[in-house]
Amino acid sequence: MADPADTPADLPPCPSAQGGGTGLLPPELRGWMLLLAATGAVEQRLRSVVKERLDVSHDEFLVLCLLAELPREGLRMTQVAELLGRPKTRLTYQVACLQHAGLVTRKTVCGDKRGVEIALTDTARRLLREASAALSETVTEALAHVMGPEQCAALIGLLPEAAAKPGAEPGAEPSVVA
């Protein structure tokens, strides 16, 4: 794991995380702001670990993660761009870097000469398996740093159905990963 001294300085707390919910924002927007703050904290801490463990950029890492959740046949580039919310031209550059590093393969889609499909290589799968403990620990630590019970409750407010999962106690406080 990266030395904490090598990680960027912590960002100031998100105003929505200051508690109370006394501002002008409705709970849904407050929850959204908390989600953005938590995502930013995770991304900030992951950047150095991803570079150290996988030697790829954060955006390239997102491509690898998306492909890691799929069967070996891969995904079309247009689908990857849509799922990650990235411009196709930027994705083309990222995939070229990943291909040059031996982490993805590219092939033309059968029956569609303009379609391109990408998939993880065995090397990428091995590297992701080896790095997964450090990466998940980094995510957990970053979330624990910015998420307390009040913030978790605000986020649960965005998805009330999630709080009503089978086995969940009605009105129970969401658990915090620490």
N, C-alpha and C. Protein backbone atom coordinates (compact mmCIF):
# COMPACT_ATOMS: atom_id res chain seq x y z
N MET A 1 0.85 -1.18 0.00
CA MET A 1 0.00 0.00 0.00
C MET A 1 0.89 1.23 0.00
N ALA A 2 0.42 2.29 -0.63
CA ALA A 2 1.19 3.52 -0.71
C ALA A 2 1.33 4.13 0.68
N ASP A 3 2.48 4.76 0.90
CA ASP A 3 2.73 5.45 2.15
C ASP A 3 1.76 6.62 2.28
N PRO A 4 1.04 6.75 3.40
CA PRO A 4 0.08 7.85 3.55
C PRO A 4 0.72 9.22 3.32
N ALA A 5 2.03 9.35 3.57
CA ALA A 5 2.69 10.63 3.34
C ALA A 5 2.77 10.95 1.85
N ASP A 6 2.65 9.90 1.00
CA ASP A 6 2.71 10.11 -0.44
C ASP A 6 1.36 10.46 -1.04
N THR A 7 0.29 10.35 -0.26
CA THR A 7 -1.03 10.65 -0.80
C THR A 7 -1.27 12.14 -0.74
N PRO A 8 -2.09 12.65 -1.69
CA PRO A 8 -2.36 14.08 -1.69
C PRO A 8 -3.03 14.50 -0.39
N ALA A 9 -2.86 15.77 -0.04
CA ALA A 9 -3.47 16.30 1.18
C ALA A 9 -4.98 16.11 1.11
N ASP A 10 -5.57 15.88 2.27
CA ASP A 10 -7.02 15.71 2.31
C ASP A 10 -7.70 16.97 1.84
N LEU A 11 -8.79 16.79 1.14
CA LEU A 11 -9.59 17.92 0.71
C LEU A 11 -10.36 18.48 1.89
N PRO A 12 -10.74 19.74 1.84
CA PRO A 12 -11.59 20.26 2.90
C PRO A 12 -12.92 19.50 2.89
N PRO A 13 -13.59 19.42 4.02
CA PRO A 13 -14.84 18.67 4.06
C PRO A 13 -15.89 19.30 3.14
N CYS A 14 -16.69 18.44 2.57
CA CYS A 14 -17.80 18.90 1.73
C CYS A 14 -18.79 19.64 2.62
N PRO A 15 -19.27 20.84 2.23
CA PRO A 15 -20.24 21.55 3.07
C PRO A 15 -21.46 20.71 3.39
N SER A 16 -21.87 19.84 2.47
CA SER A 16 -23.03 18.98 2.72
C SER A 16 -22.75 17.96 3.80
N ALA A 17 -21.46 17.70 4.07
CA ALA A 17 -21.09 16.71 5.08
C ALA A 17 -21.01 17.33 6.48
N GLN A 18 -21.20 18.63 6.57
CA GLN A 18 -21.06 19.31 7.86
C GLN A 18 -22.21 19.02 8.80
N GLY A 19 -23.24 18.41 8.28
CA GLY A 19 -24.31 17.95 9.17
C GLY A 19 -25.44 18.93 9.32
N GLY A 20 -26.47 18.41 9.90
CA GLY A 20 -27.62 19.24 10.24
C GLY A 20 -28.65 19.34 9.14
N GLY A 21 -28.24 19.37 7.89
CA GLY A 21 -29.20 19.49 6.82
C GLY A 21 -30.00 20.77 6.90
N THR A 22 -29.40 21.84 7.41
CA THR A 22 -30.13 23.09 7.63
C THR A 22 -30.02 24.04 6.44
N GLY A 23 -29.27 23.66 5.40
CA GLY A 23 -29.09 24.53 4.24
C GLY A 23 -30.32 24.54 3.35
N LEU A 24 -30.14 25.09 2.17
CA LEU A 24 -31.25 25.22 1.22
C LEU A 24 -31.51 23.96 0.42
N LEU A 25 -30.57 23.02 0.42
CA LEU A 25 -30.72 21.84 -0.43
C LEU A 25 -31.72 20.84 0.14
N PRO A 26 -32.55 20.29 -0.75
CA PRO A 26 -33.41 19.19 -0.30
C PRO A 26 -32.54 17.96 -0.03
N PRO A 27 -33.06 17.01 0.72
CA PRO A 27 -32.26 15.83 1.09
C PRO A 27 -31.63 15.10 -0.10
N GLU A 28 -32.34 15.04 -1.22
CA GLU A 28 -31.81 14.33 -2.38
C GLU A 28 -30.55 15.01 -2.93
N LEU A 29 -30.57 16.32 -3.02
CA LEU A 29 -29.39 17.05 -3.51
C LEU A 29 -28.26 17.01 -2.48
N ARG A 30 -28.60 17.07 -1.21
CA ARG A 30 -27.59 16.96 -0.16
C ARG A 30 -26.92 15.59 -0.24
N GLY A 31 -27.72 14.55 -0.42
CA GLY A 31 -27.19 13.20 -0.57
C GLY A 31 -26.29 13.08 -1.79
N TRP A 32 -26.70 13.71 -2.88
CA TRP A 32 -25.90 13.70 -4.11
C TRP A 32 -24.55 14.38 -3.87
N MET A 33 -24.55 15.50 -3.17
CA MET A 33 -23.29 16.19 -2.87
C MET A 33 -22.38 15.33 -2.00
N LEU A 34 -22.96 14.62 -1.06
CA LEU A 34 -22.17 13.70 -0.22
C LEU A 34 -21.57 12.57 -1.06
N LEU A 35 -22.36 12.07 -2.00
CA LEU A 35 -21.88 11.01 -2.88
C LEU A 35 -20.71 11.52 -3.73
N LEU A 36 -20.82 12.73 -4.24
CA LEU A 36 -19.72 13.31 -5.01
C LEU A 36 -18.47 13.50 -4.16
N ALA A 37 -18.65 13.96 -2.92
CA ALA A 37 -17.50 14.14 -2.03
C ALA A 37 -16.83 12.80 -1.72
N ALA A 38 -17.63 11.78 -1.47
CA ALA A 38 -17.07 10.45 -1.18
C ALA A 38 -16.35 9.90 -2.40
N THR A 39 -16.92 10.06 -3.57
CA THR A 39 -16.29 9.59 -4.80
C THR A 39 -14.97 10.31 -5.03
N GLY A 40 -14.96 11.61 -4.81
CA GLY A 40 -13.73 12.39 -4.98
C GLY A 40 -12.64 11.93 -4.03
N ALA A 41 -13.02 11.64 -2.78
CA ALA A 41 -12.03 11.17 -1.80
C ALA A 41 -11.45 9.83 -2.21
N VAL A 42 -12.30 8.94 -2.71
CA VAL A 42 -11.82 7.63 -3.15
C VAL A 42 -10.89 7.80 -4.34
N GLU A 43 -11.30 8.57 -5.33
CA GLU A 43 -10.47 8.76 -6.52
C GLU A 43 -9.12 9.37 -6.17
N GLN A 44 -9.12 10.36 -5.29
CA GLN A 44 -7.88 11.02 -4.91
C GLN A 44 -6.91 10.03 -4.29
N ARG A 45 -7.38 9.18 -3.41
CA ARG A 45 -6.50 8.21 -2.75
C ARG A 45 -6.13 7.05 -3.66
N LEU A 46 -7.01 6.68 -4.57
CA LEU A 46 -6.73 5.55 -5.45
C LEU A 46 -5.66 5.86 -6.50
N ARG A 47 -5.58 7.10 -6.93
CA ARG A 47 -4.67 7.45 -8.02
C ARG A 47 -3.25 6.93 -7.80
N SER A 48 -2.68 7.18 -6.63
CA SER A 48 -1.30 6.77 -6.41
C SER A 48 -1.17 5.25 -6.27
N VAL A 49 -2.16 4.62 -5.65
CA VAL A 49 -2.11 3.16 -5.50
C VAL A 49 -2.24 2.48 -6.86
N VAL A 50 -3.13 2.99 -7.70
CA VAL A 50 -3.31 2.43 -9.04
C VAL A 50 -2.03 2.59 -9.85
N LYS A 51 -1.42 3.75 -9.77
CA LYS A 51 -0.17 3.98 -10.52
C LYS A 51 0.93 3.05 -10.02
N GLU A 52 1.04 2.93 -8.69
CA GLU A 52 2.08 2.09 -8.09
C GLU A 52 1.87 0.61 -8.40
N ARG A 53 0.65 0.13 -8.25
CA ARG A 53 0.38 -1.31 -8.39
C ARG A 53 0.18 -1.77 -9.83
N LEU A 54 -0.46 -0.93 -10.65
CA LEU A 54 -0.82 -1.34 -12.02
C LEU A 54 -0.09 -0.56 -13.09
N ASP A 55 0.54 0.55 -12.73
CA ASP A 55 1.23 1.42 -13.67
C ASP A 55 0.32 1.91 -14.80
N VAL A 56 -0.90 2.31 -14.41
CA VAL A 56 -1.85 2.89 -15.36
C VAL A 56 -2.46 4.14 -14.73
N SER A 57 -3.08 4.96 -15.56
CA SER A 57 -3.77 6.15 -15.05
C SER A 57 -5.08 5.73 -14.39
N HIS A 58 -5.69 6.65 -13.65
CA HIS A 58 -6.96 6.36 -13.01
C HIS A 58 -8.04 6.05 -14.05
N ASP A 59 -8.08 6.81 -15.14
CA ASP A 59 -9.08 6.57 -16.19
C ASP A 59 -8.86 5.21 -16.86
N GLU A 60 -7.61 4.83 -17.06
CA GLU A 60 -7.32 3.51 -17.63
C GLU A 60 -7.74 2.42 -16.65
N PHE A 61 -7.54 2.67 -15.37
CA PHE A 61 -7.96 1.73 -14.33
C PHE A 61 -9.47 1.51 -14.39
N LEU A 62 -10.25 2.58 -14.61
CA LEU A 62 -11.70 2.43 -14.70
C LEU A 62 -12.09 1.52 -15.85
N VAL A 63 -11.38 1.62 -16.96
CA VAL A 63 -11.64 0.73 -18.10
C VAL A 63 -11.35 -0.71 -17.70
N LEU A 64 -10.22 -0.93 -17.04
CA LEU A 64 -9.87 -2.28 -16.59
C LEU A 64 -10.93 -2.84 -15.64
N CYS A 65 -11.40 -2.01 -14.70
CA CYS A 65 -12.41 -2.46 -13.74
C CYS A 65 -13.71 -2.84 -14.44
N LEU A 66 -14.11 -2.04 -15.40
CA LEU A 66 -15.33 -2.33 -16.14
C LEU A 66 -15.20 -3.66 -16.86
N LEU A 67 -14.09 -3.87 -17.52
CA LEU A 67 -13.87 -5.12 -18.25
C LEU A 67 -13.70 -6.32 -17.31
N ALA A 68 -13.20 -6.08 -16.11
CA ALA A 68 -12.97 -7.17 -15.15
C ALA A 68 -14.29 -7.79 -14.68
N GLU A 69 -15.35 -7.04 -14.76
CA GLU A 69 -16.65 -7.54 -14.32
C GLU A 69 -17.40 -8.30 -15.41
N LEU A 70 -16.75 -8.48 -16.55
CA LEU A 70 -17.41 -9.11 -17.69
C LEU A 70 -16.79 -10.46 -18.02
N PRO A 71 -17.52 -11.24 -18.78
CA PRO A 71 -16.91 -12.47 -19.29
C PRO A 71 -15.73 -12.14 -20.20
N ARG A 72 -14.98 -13.12 -20.55
CA ARG A 72 -13.75 -12.93 -21.32
C ARG A 72 -13.96 -12.32 -22.71
N GLU A 73 -15.15 -12.38 -23.27
CA GLU A 73 -15.31 -11.87 -24.64
C GLU A 73 -15.21 -10.36 -24.77
N GLY A 74 -15.39 -9.62 -23.70
CA GLY A 74 -15.17 -8.17 -23.74
C GLY A 74 -16.41 -7.36 -24.06
N LEU A 75 -16.17 -6.09 -24.38
CA LEU A 75 -17.23 -5.11 -24.64
C LEU A 75 -16.86 -4.25 -25.83
N ARG A 76 -17.88 -3.75 -26.49
CA ARG A 76 -17.65 -2.81 -27.58
C ARG A 76 -17.17 -1.48 -26.99
N MET A 77 -16.31 -0.81 -27.73
CA MET A 77 -15.77 0.48 -27.28
C MET A 77 -16.89 1.48 -27.04
N THR A 78 -17.91 1.49 -27.88
CA THR A 78 -19.01 2.44 -27.68
C THR A 78 -19.72 2.20 -26.36
N GLN A 79 -19.87 0.94 -25.96
CA GLN A 79 -20.50 0.62 -24.68
C GLN A 79 -19.63 1.08 -23.52
N VAL A 80 -18.34 0.86 -23.63
CA VAL A 80 -17.41 1.28 -22.57
C VAL A 80 -17.48 2.80 -22.41
N ALA A 81 -17.45 3.53 -23.53
CA ALA A 81 -17.53 4.99 -23.48
C ALA A 81 -18.82 5.45 -22.80
N GLU A 82 -19.94 4.81 -23.14
CA GLU A 82 -21.22 5.19 -22.54
C GLU A 82 -21.25 4.86 -21.05
N LEU A 83 -20.80 3.68 -20.67
CA LEU A 83 -20.85 3.26 -19.27
C LEU A 83 -19.94 4.11 -18.37
N LEU A 84 -18.82 4.57 -18.92
CA LEU A 84 -17.90 5.39 -18.14
C LEU A 84 -18.15 6.88 -18.32
N GLY A 85 -19.05 7.24 -19.23
CA GLY A 85 -19.33 8.65 -19.48
C GLY A 85 -18.13 9.38 -20.04
N ARG A 86 -17.38 8.72 -20.91
CA ARG A 86 -16.16 9.29 -21.48
C ARG A 86 -16.36 9.51 -22.98
N PRO A 87 -15.73 10.56 -23.53
CA PRO A 87 -15.78 10.75 -24.99
C PRO A 87 -15.07 9.58 -25.68
N LYS A 88 -15.58 9.18 -26.82
CA LYS A 88 -14.99 8.05 -27.55
C LYS A 88 -13.55 8.32 -27.95
N THR A 89 -13.23 9.56 -28.29
CA THR A 89 -11.85 9.86 -28.70
C THR A 89 -10.89 9.68 -27.53
N ARG A 90 -11.29 10.10 -26.34
CA ARG A 90 -10.44 9.92 -25.15
C ARG A 90 -10.28 8.44 -24.83
N LEU A 91 -11.35 7.69 -24.95
CA LEU A 91 -11.31 6.26 -24.69
C LEU A 91 -10.38 5.55 -25.68
N THR A 92 -10.39 5.97 -26.91
CA THR A 92 -9.51 5.36 -27.92
C THR A 92 -8.06 5.50 -27.50
N TYR A 93 -7.68 6.66 -27.00
CA TYR A 93 -6.31 6.88 -26.53
C TYR A 93 -6.00 5.99 -25.33
N GLN A 94 -6.92 5.94 -24.36
CA GLN A 94 -6.71 5.13 -23.16
C GLN A 94 -6.56 3.65 -23.52
N VAL A 95 -7.40 3.17 -24.41
CA VAL A 95 -7.34 1.76 -24.81
C VAL A 95 -6.05 1.48 -25.56
N ALA A 96 -5.59 2.42 -26.37
CA ALA A 96 -4.30 2.24 -27.06
C ALA A 96 -3.16 2.10 -26.04
N CYS A 97 -3.20 2.91 -24.99
CA CYS A 97 -2.18 2.80 -23.93
C CYS A 97 -2.26 1.44 -23.23
N LEU A 98 -3.48 1.01 -22.92
CA LEU A 98 -3.67 -0.28 -22.26
C LEU A 98 -3.24 -1.44 -23.16
N GLN A 99 -3.51 -1.31 -24.46
CA GLN A 99 -3.10 -2.35 -25.41
C GLN A 99 -1.57 -2.40 -25.51
N HIS A 100 -0.95 -1.24 -25.58
CA HIS A 100 0.51 -1.16 -25.65
C HIS A 100 1.15 -1.79 -24.40
N ALA A 101 0.49 -1.66 -23.25
CA ALA A 101 0.99 -2.24 -22.00
C ALA A 101 0.67 -3.73 -21.89
N GLY A 102 -0.06 -4.27 -22.86
CA GLY A 102 -0.40 -5.69 -22.84
C GLY A 102 -1.54 -6.04 -21.90
N LEU A 103 -2.39 -5.06 -21.59
CA LEU A 103 -3.47 -5.28 -20.63
C LEU A 103 -4.83 -5.51 -21.27
N VAL A 104 -5.00 -5.08 -22.51
CA VAL A 104 -6.25 -5.34 -23.23
C VAL A 104 -5.95 -5.76 -24.67
N THR A 105 -6.92 -6.43 -25.24
CA THR A 105 -6.87 -6.76 -26.67
C THR A 105 -8.00 -6.01 -27.36
N ARG A 106 -7.76 -5.70 -28.62
CA ARG A 106 -8.79 -5.06 -29.45
C ARG A 106 -9.01 -5.93 -30.67
N LYS A 107 -10.28 -6.05 -31.06
CA LYS A 107 -10.58 -6.78 -32.29
C LYS A 107 -11.83 -6.19 -32.91
N THR A 108 -11.94 -6.37 -34.21
CA THR A 108 -13.12 -5.92 -34.94
C THR A 108 -14.27 -6.84 -34.60
N VAL A 109 -15.45 -6.28 -34.43
CA VAL A 109 -16.63 -7.06 -34.12
C VAL A 109 -17.07 -7.80 -35.38
N CYS A 110 -17.33 -9.08 -35.23
CA CYS A 110 -17.76 -9.91 -36.36
C CYS A 110 -19.05 -9.34 -36.96
N GLY A 111 -19.03 -9.11 -38.24
CA GLY A 111 -20.21 -8.60 -38.94
C GLY A 111 -20.36 -7.09 -38.90
N ASP A 112 -19.44 -6.39 -38.25
CA ASP A 112 -19.50 -4.93 -38.17
C ASP A 112 -18.08 -4.40 -38.20
N LYS A 113 -17.60 -4.08 -39.40
CA LYS A 113 -16.18 -3.69 -39.55
C LYS A 113 -15.84 -2.39 -38.81
N ARG A 114 -16.85 -1.57 -38.46
CA ARG A 114 -16.57 -0.34 -37.73
C ARG A 114 -16.55 -0.57 -36.23
N GLY A 115 -17.18 -1.65 -35.76
CA GLY A 115 -17.26 -1.93 -34.33
C GLY A 115 -15.96 -2.53 -33.81
N VAL A 116 -15.52 -2.07 -32.64
CA VAL A 116 -14.30 -2.58 -32.02
C VAL A 116 -14.66 -3.07 -30.63
N GLU A 117 -14.16 -4.26 -30.31
CA GLU A 117 -14.41 -4.86 -29.00
C GLU A 117 -13.09 -4.97 -28.26
N ILE A 118 -13.14 -4.69 -26.96
CA ILE A 118 -11.93 -4.80 -26.14
C ILE A 118 -12.17 -5.79 -25.02
N ALA A 119 -11.10 -6.46 -24.61
CA ALA A 119 -11.18 -7.44 -23.52
C ALA A 119 -9.88 -7.42 -22.74
N LEU A 120 -9.95 -7.85 -21.49
CA LEU A 120 -8.75 -7.95 -20.66
C LEU A 120 -7.88 -9.11 -21.12
N THR A 121 -6.58 -8.93 -20.99
CA THR A 121 -5.65 -10.03 -21.21
C THR A 121 -5.50 -10.81 -19.90
N ASP A 122 -4.89 -11.96 -19.99
CA ASP A 122 -4.61 -12.73 -18.78
C ASP A 122 -3.67 -11.96 -17.86
N THR A 123 -2.75 -11.20 -18.44
CA THR A 123 -1.83 -10.38 -17.64
C THR A 123 -2.61 -9.37 -16.80
N ALA A 124 -3.58 -8.70 -17.42
CA ALA A 124 -4.39 -7.72 -16.70
C ALA A 124 -5.20 -8.38 -15.59
N ARG A 125 -5.76 -9.54 -15.87
CA ARG A 125 -6.52 -10.27 -14.85
C ARG A 125 -5.64 -10.62 -13.66
N ARG A 126 -4.42 -11.07 -13.94
CA ARG A 126 -3.49 -11.42 -12.86
C ARG A 126 -3.12 -10.19 -12.04
N LEU A 127 -2.79 -9.08 -12.72
CA LEU A 127 -2.42 -7.85 -12.01
C LEU A 127 -3.57 -7.33 -11.15
N LEU A 128 -4.78 -7.38 -11.65
CA LEU A 128 -5.94 -6.93 -10.86
C LEU A 128 -6.14 -7.82 -9.64
N ARG A 129 -5.98 -9.13 -9.81
CA ARG A 129 -6.11 -10.04 -8.66
C ARG A 129 -5.04 -9.72 -7.61
N GLU A 130 -3.80 -9.51 -8.06
CA GLU A 130 -2.71 -9.22 -7.13
C GLU A 130 -2.89 -7.89 -6.42
N ALA A 131 -3.47 -6.92 -7.10
CA ALA A 131 -3.62 -5.57 -6.52
C ALA A 131 -4.93 -5.38 -5.77
N SER A 132 -5.84 -6.34 -5.87
CA SER A 132 -7.19 -6.12 -5.35
C SER A 132 -7.23 -5.83 -3.85
N ALA A 133 -6.40 -6.48 -3.05
CA ALA A 133 -6.43 -6.23 -1.61
C ALA A 133 -6.03 -4.78 -1.30
N ALA A 134 -4.95 -4.31 -1.90
CA ALA A 134 -4.51 -2.93 -1.66
C ALA A 134 -5.53 -1.92 -2.18
N LEU A 135 -6.13 -2.21 -3.33
CA LEU A 135 -7.12 -1.29 -3.90
C LEU A 135 -8.38 -1.24 -3.04
N SER A 136 -8.87 -2.40 -2.61
CA SER A 136 -10.08 -2.38 -1.80
C SER A 136 -9.82 -1.75 -0.44
N GLU A 137 -8.64 -1.95 0.12
CA GLU A 137 -8.28 -1.31 1.39
C GLU A 137 -8.26 0.21 1.24
N THR A 138 -7.73 0.67 0.12
CA THR A 138 -7.68 2.12 -0.15
C THR A 138 -9.08 2.69 -0.24
N VAL A 139 -9.98 2.00 -0.94
CA VAL A 139 -11.37 2.46 -1.06
C VAL A 139 -12.03 2.51 0.31
N THR A 140 -11.87 1.45 1.08
CA THR A 140 -12.48 1.38 2.41
C THR A 140 -11.98 2.51 3.30
N GLU A 141 -10.67 2.74 3.30
CA GLU A 141 -10.10 3.80 4.14
C GLU A 141 -10.60 5.17 3.71
N ALA A 142 -10.66 5.41 2.41
CA ALA A 142 -11.12 6.72 1.92
C ALA A 142 -12.58 6.95 2.30
N LEU A 143 -13.41 5.94 2.15
CA LEU A 143 -14.82 6.11 2.51
C LEU A 143 -14.99 6.29 4.02
N ALA A 144 -14.24 5.54 4.79
CA ALA A 144 -14.34 5.67 6.25
C ALA A 144 -13.92 7.06 6.70
N HIS A 145 -13.01 7.67 5.96
CA HIS A 145 -12.53 9.00 6.30
C HIS A 145 -13.61 10.07 6.11
N VAL A 146 -14.46 9.89 5.11
CA VAL A 146 -15.45 10.93 4.81
C VAL A 146 -16.88 10.56 5.18
N MET A 147 -17.12 9.30 5.50
CA MET A 147 -18.49 8.86 5.73
C MET A 147 -18.70 8.45 7.19
N GLY A 148 -19.55 9.17 7.85
CA GLY A 148 -19.99 8.79 9.19
C GLY A 148 -21.45 8.34 9.12
N PRO A 149 -22.06 8.04 10.24
CA PRO A 149 -23.46 7.58 10.24
C PRO A 149 -24.42 8.59 9.60
N GLU A 150 -24.20 9.87 9.86
CA GLU A 150 -25.11 10.88 9.29
C GLU A 150 -25.01 10.92 7.77
N GLN A 151 -23.78 10.82 7.24
CA GLN A 151 -23.60 10.85 5.80
C GLN A 151 -24.17 9.58 5.16
N CYS A 152 -23.98 8.44 5.81
CA CYS A 152 -24.55 7.19 5.30
C CYS A 152 -26.07 7.27 5.26
N ALA A 153 -26.66 7.83 6.29
CA ALA A 153 -28.12 7.97 6.33
C ALA A 153 -28.60 8.89 5.20
N ALA A 154 -27.85 9.96 4.93
CA ALA A 154 -28.23 10.87 3.84
C ALA A 154 -28.16 10.16 2.49
N LEU A 155 -27.15 9.33 2.32
CA LEU A 155 -27.04 8.58 1.06
C LEU A 155 -28.14 7.54 0.94
N ILE A 156 -28.46 6.87 2.03
CA ILE A 156 -29.55 5.89 2.01
C ILE A 156 -30.85 6.58 1.61
N GLY A 157 -30.99 7.86 1.98
CA GLY A 157 -32.17 8.62 1.59
C GLY A 157 -32.33 8.74 0.09
N LEU A 158 -31.22 8.61 -0.65
CA LEU A 158 -31.31 8.64 -2.12
C LEU A 158 -31.94 7.36 -2.67
N LEU A 159 -31.74 6.27 -1.94
CA LEU A 159 -32.24 4.97 -2.38
C LEU A 159 -33.00 4.30 -1.23
N PRO A 160 -34.19 4.78 -0.94
CA PRO A 160 -34.91 4.22 0.21
C PRO A 160 -35.15 2.72 0.07
N GLU A 161 -35.24 2.21 -1.16
CA GLU A 161 -35.45 0.78 -1.36
C GLU A 161 -34.27 -0.02 -0.84
N ALA A 162 -33.06 0.56 -0.91
CA ALA A 162 -31.86 -0.14 -0.43
C ALA A 162 -31.92 -0.35 1.07
N ALA A 163 -32.52 0.60 1.78
CA ALA A 163 -32.62 0.47 3.23
C ALA A 163 -33.66 -0.57 3.62
N ALA A 164 -34.57 -0.88 2.70
CA ALA A 164 -35.64 -1.83 2.98
C ALA A 164 -35.31 -3.22 2.44
N LYS A 165 -34.02 -3.54 2.29
CA LYS A 165 -33.62 -4.85 1.82
C LYS A 165 -34.09 -5.92 2.78
N PRO A 166 -34.37 -7.12 2.26
CA PRO A 166 -34.75 -8.22 3.16
C PRO A 166 -33.66 -8.44 4.20
N GLY A 167 -34.05 -8.58 5.43
CA GLY A 167 -33.10 -8.81 6.51
C GLY A 167 -32.64 -7.54 7.20
N ALA A 168 -32.91 -6.38 6.58
CA ALA A 168 -32.51 -5.12 7.20
C ALA A 168 -33.57 -4.73 8.22
N GLU A 169 -33.14 -4.24 9.34
CA GLU A 169 -34.06 -3.80 10.38
C GLU A 169 -34.71 -2.49 9.96
N PRO A 170 -36.02 -2.36 10.03
CA PRO A 170 -36.65 -1.09 9.69
C PRO A 170 -36.13 0.02 10.59
N GLY A 171 -35.74 1.12 9.98
CA GLY A 171 -35.24 2.28 10.72
C GLY A 171 -33.84 2.10 11.28
N ALA A 172 -33.18 0.99 10.94
CA ALA A 172 -31.83 0.75 11.46
C ALA A 172 -30.86 1.70 10.80
N GLU A 173 -29.87 2.13 11.56
CA GLU A 173 -28.82 2.98 11.01
C GLU A 173 -27.99 2.18 10.01
N PRO A 174 -27.61 2.77 8.88
CA PRO A 174 -26.74 2.06 7.96
C PRO A 174 -25.39 1.81 8.60
N SER A 175 -24.78 0.70 8.24
CA SER A 175 -23.47 0.40 8.82
C SER A 175 -22.40 1.20 8.10
N VAL A 176 -21.35 1.53 8.81
CA VAL A 176 -20.24 2.30 8.26
C VAL A 176 -19.04 1.37 8.20
N VAL A 177 -18.38 1.36 7.07
CA VAL A 177 -17.18 0.56 6.93
C VAL A 177 -16.04 1.36 7.56
N ALA A 178 -15.37 0.76 8.51
CA ALA A 178 -14.26 1.46 9.17
C ALA A 178 -13.05 0.59 9.26
